[in-house]
């Protein structure tokens, strides 16, 4: 268990624990959304490149 979650329930520094958890979840969410965005984008670009390569091979 991460220490900030442990401290959230046991220590009296509630505001620091809440701030730490909020920042941690915010960074995690931003990295996840960025990964999903670029994963979908580059996957689509690769599929389009394969479609172009396949159509050129069949044309010539």
PDB file of N, CA and C in Angstrom:
ATOM      1  N   UNK A   1       0.860  -1.186   0.000  1.00  0.00           N
ATOM      2  CA  UNK A   1       0.000   0.000   0.000  1.00  0.00           C
ATOM      3  C   UNK A   1       0.896   1.235   0.000  1.00  0.00           C
ATOM      4  N   UNK A   2       0.652   2.166  -0.927  1.00  0.00           N
ATOM      5  CA  UNK A   2       1.456   3.393  -0.940  1.00  0.00           C
ATOM      6  C   UNK A   2       1.323   4.162   0.368  1.00  0.00           C
ATOM      7  N   UNK A   3       2.369   4.849   0.710  1.00  0.00           N
ATOM      8  CA  UNK A   3       2.400   5.533   2.006  1.00  0.00           C
ATOM      9  C   UNK A   3       1.381   6.656   2.102  1.00  0.00           C
ATOM     10  N   UNK A   4       1.075   7.328   0.988  1.00  0.00           N
ATOM     11  CA  UNK A   4       0.124   8.429   1.101  1.00  0.00           C
ATOM     12  C   UNK A   4      -1.283   7.932   1.407  1.00  0.00           C
ATOM     13  N   UNK A   5      -1.637   6.739   0.964  1.00  0.00           N
ATOM     14  CA  UNK A   5      -2.946   6.181   1.326  1.00  0.00           C
ATOM     15  C   UNK A   5      -2.943   5.760   2.788  1.00  0.00           C
ATOM     16  N   UNK A   6      -1.844   5.179   3.243  1.00  0.00           N
ATOM     17  CA  UNK A   6      -1.733   4.795   4.650  1.00  0.00           C
ATOM     18  C   UNK A   6      -1.818   6.019   5.557  1.00  0.00           C
ATOM     19  N   UNK A   7      -1.106   7.067   5.185  1.00  0.00           N
ATOM     20  CA  UNK A   7      -1.118   8.289   5.995  1.00  0.00           C
ATOM     21  C   UNK A   7      -2.471   8.988   5.954  1.00  0.00           C
ATOM     22  N   UNK A   8      -3.176   8.821   4.859  1.00  0.00           N
ATOM     23  CA  UNK A   8      -4.493   9.447   4.738  1.00  0.00           C
ATOM     24  C   UNK A   8      -5.439   8.970   5.837  1.00  0.00           C
ATOM     25  N   UNK A   9      -5.329   7.704   6.191  1.00  0.00           N
ATOM     26  CA  UNK A   9      -6.232   7.141   7.189  1.00  0.00           C
ATOM     27  C   UNK A   9      -5.666   7.146   8.606  1.00  0.00           C
ATOM     28  N   UNK A  10      -4.363   7.328   8.769  1.00  0.00           N
ATOM     29  CA  UNK A  10      -3.778   7.208  10.100  1.00  0.00           C
ATOM     30  C   UNK A  10      -3.265   8.517  10.689  1.00  0.00           C
ATOM     31  N   UNK A  11      -2.723   9.396   9.878  1.00  0.00           N
ATOM     32  CA  UNK A  11      -2.082  10.601  10.411  1.00  0.00           C
ATOM     33  C   UNK A  11      -3.058  11.777  10.447  1.00  0.00           C
ATOM     34  N   UNK A  12      -2.621  12.834  11.093  1.00  0.00           N
ATOM     35  CA  UNK A  12      -3.461  14.027  11.211  1.00  0.00           C
ATOM     36  C   UNK A  12      -3.209  15.036  10.090  1.00  0.00           C
ATOM     37  N   UNK A  13      -2.238  14.788   9.226  1.00  0.00           N
ATOM     38  CA  UNK A  13      -1.951  15.695   8.108  1.00  0.00           C
ATOM     39  C   UNK A  13      -2.902  15.394   6.954  1.00  0.00           C
ATOM     40  N   UNK A  14      -4.150  15.686   7.161  1.00  0.00           N
ATOM     41  CA  UNK A  14      -5.181  15.351   6.188  1.00  0.00           C
ATOM     42  C   UNK A  14      -5.000  16.108   4.883  1.00  0.00           C
ATOM     43  N   UNK A  15      -4.689  17.395   4.951  1.00  0.00           N
ATOM     44  CA  UNK A  15      -4.598  18.215   3.746  1.00  0.00           C
ATOM     45  C   UNK A  15      -3.436  17.778   2.858  1.00  0.00           C
ATOM     46  N   UNK A  16      -2.308  17.406   3.453  1.00  0.00           N
ATOM     47  CA  UNK A  16      -1.169  16.958   2.648  1.00  0.00           C
ATOM     48  C   UNK A  16      -1.441  15.602   2.009  1.00  0.00           C
ATOM     49  N   UNK A  17      -2.103  14.747   2.730  1.00  0.00           N
ATOM     50  CA  UNK A  17      -2.449  13.446   2.171  1.00  0.00           C
ATOM     51  C   UNK A  17      -3.455  13.595   1.037  1.00  0.00           C
ATOM     52  N   UNK A  18      -4.422  14.458   1.232  1.00  0.00           N
ATOM     53  CA  UNK A  18      -5.413  14.689   0.186  1.00  0.00           C
ATOM     54  C   UNK A  18      -4.773  15.322  -1.045  1.00  0.00           C
ATOM     55  N   UNK A  19      -3.875  16.264  -0.840  1.00  0.00           N
ATOM     56  CA  UNK A  19      -3.169  16.892  -1.953  1.00  0.00           C
ATOM     57  C   UNK A  19      -2.305  15.874  -2.696  1.00  0.00           C
ATOM     58  N   UNK A  20      -1.619  15.035  -1.959  1.00  0.00           N
ATOM     59  CA  UNK A  20      -0.776  14.015  -2.570  1.00  0.00           C
ATOM     60  C   UNK A  20      -1.600  13.022  -3.383  1.00  0.00           C
ATOM     61  N   UNK A  21      -2.707  12.595  -2.848  1.00  0.00           N
ATOM     62  CA  UNK A  21      -3.568  11.660  -3.576  1.00  0.00           C
ATOM     63  C   UNK A  21      -4.165  12.307  -4.814  1.00  0.00           C
ATOM     64  N   UNK A  22      -4.586  13.551  -4.698  1.00  0.00           N
ATOM     65  CA  UNK A  22      -5.179  14.250  -5.835  1.00  0.00           C
ATOM     66  C   UNK A  22      -4.167  14.421  -6.960  1.00  0.00           C
ATOM     67  N   UNK A  23      -2.964  14.849  -6.627  1.00  0.00           N
ATOM     68  CA  UNK A  23      -1.930  15.007  -7.656  1.00  0.00           C
ATOM     69  C   UNK A  23      -1.550  13.673  -8.284  1.00  0.00           C
ATOM     70  N   UNK A  24      -1.475  12.647  -7.478  1.00  0.00           N
ATOM     71  CA  UNK A  24      -1.138  11.325  -7.991  1.00  0.00           C
ATOM     72  C   UNK A  24      -2.190  10.827  -8.974  1.00  0.00           C
ATOM     73  N   UNK A  25      -3.444  10.953  -8.614  1.00  0.00           N
ATOM     74  CA  UNK A  25      -4.514  10.504  -9.503  1.00  0.00           C
ATOM     75  C   UNK A  25      -4.611  11.378 -10.746  1.00  0.00           C
ATOM     76  N   UNK A  26      -4.332  12.662 -10.610  1.00  0.00           N
ATOM     77  CA  UNK A  26      -4.362  13.557 -11.763  1.00  0.00           C
ATOM     78  C   UNK A  26      -3.279  13.186 -12.775  1.00  0.00           C
ATOM     79  N   UNK A  27      -2.047  12.976 -12.300  1.00  0.00           N
ATOM     80  CA  UNK A  27      -0.969  12.578 -13.202  1.00  0.00           C
ATOM     81  C   UNK A  27      -1.258  11.229 -13.852  1.00  0.00           C
ATOM     82  N   UNK A  28      -1.789  10.308 -13.097  1.00  0.00           N
ATOM     83  CA  UNK A  28      -2.124   9.000 -13.650  1.00  0.00           C
ATOM     84  C   UNK A  28      -3.167   9.128 -14.747  1.00  0.00           C
ATOM     85  N   UNK A  29      -4.181   9.928 -14.516  1.00  0.00           N
ATOM     86  CA  UNK A  29      -5.239  10.119 -15.511  1.00  0.00           C
ATOM     87  C   UNK A  29      -4.696  10.786 -16.776  1.00  0.00           C
ATOM     88  N   UNK A  30      -3.861  11.802 -16.619  1.00  0.00           N
ATOM     89  CA  UNK A  30      -3.302  12.498 -17.782  1.00  0.00           C
ATOM     90  C   UNK A  30      -2.436  11.557 -18.614  1.00  0.00           C
ATOM     91  N   UNK A  31      -1.595  10.759 -17.969  1.00  0.00           N
ATOM     92  CA  UNK A  31      -0.765   9.813 -18.710  1.00  0.00           C
ATOM     93  C   UNK A  31      -1.610   8.754 -19.413  1.00  0.00           C
ATOM     94  N   UNK A  32      -2.681   8.297 -18.773  1.00  0.00           N
ATOM     95  CA  UNK A  32      -3.557   7.297 -19.389  1.00  0.00           C
ATOM     96  C   UNK A  32      -4.266   7.871 -20.613  1.00  0.00           C
ATOM     97  N   UNK A  33      -4.807   9.074 -20.487  1.00  0.00           N
ATOM     98  CA  UNK A  33      -5.513   9.688 -21.608  1.00  0.00           C
ATOM     99  C   UNK A  33      -4.549   9.948 -22.765  1.00  0.00           C
ATOM    100  N   UNK A  34      -3.341  10.395 -22.466  1.00  0.00           N
ATOM    101  CA  UNK A  34      -2.349  10.605 -23.516  1.00  0.00           C
ATOM    102  C   UNK A  34      -1.968   9.319 -24.209  1.00  0.00           C
ATOM    103  N   UNK A  35      -1.836   8.240 -23.451  1.00  0.00           N
ATOM    104  CA  UNK A  35      -1.512   6.949 -24.050  1.00  0.00           C
ATOM    105  C   UNK A  35      -2.628   6.480 -24.964  1.00  0.00           C
ATOM    106  N   UNK A  36      -3.859   6.585 -24.514  1.00  0.00           N
ATOM    107  CA  UNK A  36      -4.990   6.125 -25.318  1.00  0.00           C
ATOM    108  C   UNK A  36      -5.096   6.938 -26.601  1.00  0.00           C
ATOM    109  N   UNK A  37      -4.874   8.249 -26.508  1.00  0.00           N
ATOM    110  CA  UNK A  37      -4.967   9.107 -27.686  1.00  0.00           C
ATOM    111  C   UNK A  37      -3.932   8.708 -28.739  1.00  0.00           C
ATOM    112  N   UNK A  38      -2.676   8.599 -28.344  1.00  0.00           N
ATOM    113  CA  UNK A  38      -1.640   8.303 -29.322  1.00  0.00           C
ATOM    114  C   UNK A  38      -1.661   6.846 -29.756  1.00  0.00           C
ATOM    115  N   UNK A  39      -2.100   5.943 -28.892  1.00  0.00           N
ATOM    116  CA  UNK A  39      -2.207   4.539 -29.271  1.00  0.00           C
ATOM    117  C   UNK A  39      -3.225   4.380 -30.389  1.00  0.00           C
ATOM    118  N   UNK A  40      -4.375   5.012 -30.238  1.00  0.00           N
ATOM    119  CA  UNK A  40      -5.404   4.926 -31.282  1.00  0.00           C
ATOM    120  C   UNK A  40      -4.946   5.615 -32.557  1.00  0.00           C
ATOM    121  N   UNK A  41      -4.295   6.763 -32.421  1.00  0.00           N
ATOM    122  CA  UNK A  41      -3.888   7.512 -33.600  1.00  0.00           C
ATOM    123  C   UNK A  41      -2.864   6.735 -34.418  1.00  0.00           C
ATOM    124  N   UNK A  42      -1.827   6.235 -33.779  1.00  0.00           N
ATOM    125  CA  UNK A  42      -0.784   5.558 -34.534  1.00  0.00           C
ATOM    126  C   UNK A  42      -1.230   4.188 -35.020  1.00  0.00           C
ATOM    127  N   UNK A  43      -2.149   3.545 -34.309  1.00  0.00           N
ATOM    128  CA  UNK A  43      -2.694   2.285 -34.803  1.00  0.00           C
ATOM    129  C   UNK A  43      -3.467   2.529 -36.086  1.00  0.00           C
ATOM    130  N   UNK A  44      -4.270   3.590 -36.129  1.00  0.00           N
ATOM    131  CA  UNK A  44      -5.024   3.915 -37.334  1.00  0.00           C
ATOM    132  C   UNK A  44      -4.086   4.271 -38.481  1.00  0.00           C
ATOM    133  N   UNK A  45      -3.018   5.005 -38.197  1.00  0.00           N
ATOM    134  CA  UNK A  45      -2.072   5.350 -39.257  1.00  0.00           C
ATOM    135  C   UNK A  45      -1.395   4.113 -39.832  1.00  0.00           C
ATOM    136  N   UNK A  46      -1.070   3.149 -39.004  1.00  0.00           N
ATOM    137  CA  UNK A  46      -0.454   1.916 -39.494  1.00  0.00           C
ATOM    138  C   UNK A  46      -1.442   1.138 -40.355  1.00  0.00           C
ATOM    139  N   UNK A  47      -2.695   1.072 -39.937  1.00  0.00           N
ATOM    140  CA  UNK A  47      -3.697   0.374 -40.745  1.00  0.00           C
ATOM    141  C   UNK A  47      -3.902   1.059 -42.093  1.00  0.00           C
ATOM    142  N   UNK A  48      -3.894   2.387 -42.113  1.00  0.00           N
ATOM    143  CA  UNK A  48      -4.033   3.101 -43.383  1.00  0.00           C
ATOM    144  C   UNK A  48      -2.813   2.870 -44.270  1.00  0.00           C
ATOM    145  N   UNK A  49      -1.632   2.805 -43.677  1.00  0.00           N
ATOM    146  CA  UNK A  49      -0.426   2.541 -44.467  1.00  0.00           C
ATOM    147  C   UNK A  49      -0.472   1.145 -45.077  1.00  0.00           C
ATOM    148  N   UNK A  50      -0.927   0.162 -44.310  1.00  0.00           N
ATOM    149  CA  UNK A  50      -1.077  -1.186 -44.863  1.00  0.00           C
ATOM    150  C   UNK A  50      -2.099  -1.209 -45.994  1.00  0.00           C
ATOM    151  N   UNK A  51      -3.175  -0.450 -45.865  1.00  0.00           N
ATOM    152  CA  UNK A  51      -4.190  -0.408 -46.917  1.00  0.00           C
ATOM    153  C   UNK A  51      -3.613   0.181 -48.199  1.00  0.00           C
ATOM    154  N   UNK A  52      -2.805   1.224 -48.077  1.00  0.00           N
ATOM    155  CA  UNK A  52      -2.199   1.834 -49.261  1.00  0.00           C
ATOM    156  C   UNK A  52      -1.200   0.879 -49.893  1.00  0.00           C
ATOM    157  N   UNK A  53      -0.382   0.220 -49.088  1.00  0.00           N
ATOM    158  CA  UNK A  53       0.603  -0.707 -49.633  1.00  0.00           C
ATOM    159  C   UNK A  53      -0.065  -1.891 -50.317  1.00  0.00           C
ATOM    160  N   UNK A  54      -1.117  -2.391 -49.755  1.00  0.00           N
ATOM    161  CA  UNK A  54      -1.822  -3.515 -50.364  1.00  0.00           C
ATOM    162  C   UNK A  54      -2.475  -3.099 -51.678  1.00  0.00           C
ATOM    163  N   UNK A  55      -3.060  -1.918 -51.731  1.00  0.00           N
ATOM    164  CA  UNK A  55      -3.729  -1.503 -52.961  1.00  0.00           C
ATOM    165  C   UNK A  55      -2.714  -1.218 -54.064  1.00  0.00           C
ATOM    166  N   UNK A  56      -1.543  -0.711 -53.753  1.00  0.00           N
ATOM    167  CA  UNK A  56      -0.526  -0.467 -54.776  1.00  0.00           C
ATOM    168  C   UNK A  56       0.031  -1.777 -55.323  1.00  0.00           C
ATOM    169  N   UNK A  57       0.169  -2.765 -54.466  1.00  0.00           N
ATOM    170  CA  UNK A  57       0.670  -4.055 -54.944  1.00  0.00           C
ATOM    171  C   UNK A  57      -0.334  -4.716 -55.876  1.00  0.00           C
ATOM    172  N   UNK A  58      -1.595  -4.589 -55.598  1.00  0.00           N
ATOM    173  CA  UNK A  58      -2.598  -5.225 -56.449  1.00  0.00           C
ATOM    174  C   UNK A  58      -2.797  -4.459 -57.744  1.00  0.00           C
ATOM    175  N   UNK A  59      -2.539  -3.135 -57.745  1.00  0.00           N
ATOM    176  CA  UNK A  59      -2.703  -2.341 -58.967  1.00  0.00           C
ATOM    177  C   UNK A  59      -1.588  -2.644 -59.956  1.00  0.00           C
ATOM    178  N   UNK A  60      -0.355  -2.723 -59.501  1.00  0.00           N
ATOM    179  CA  UNK A  60       0.763  -2.910 -60.433  1.00  0.00           C
ATOM    180  C   UNK A  60       1.099  -4.356 -60.637  1.00  0.00           C
TER     181      UNK A  60
END
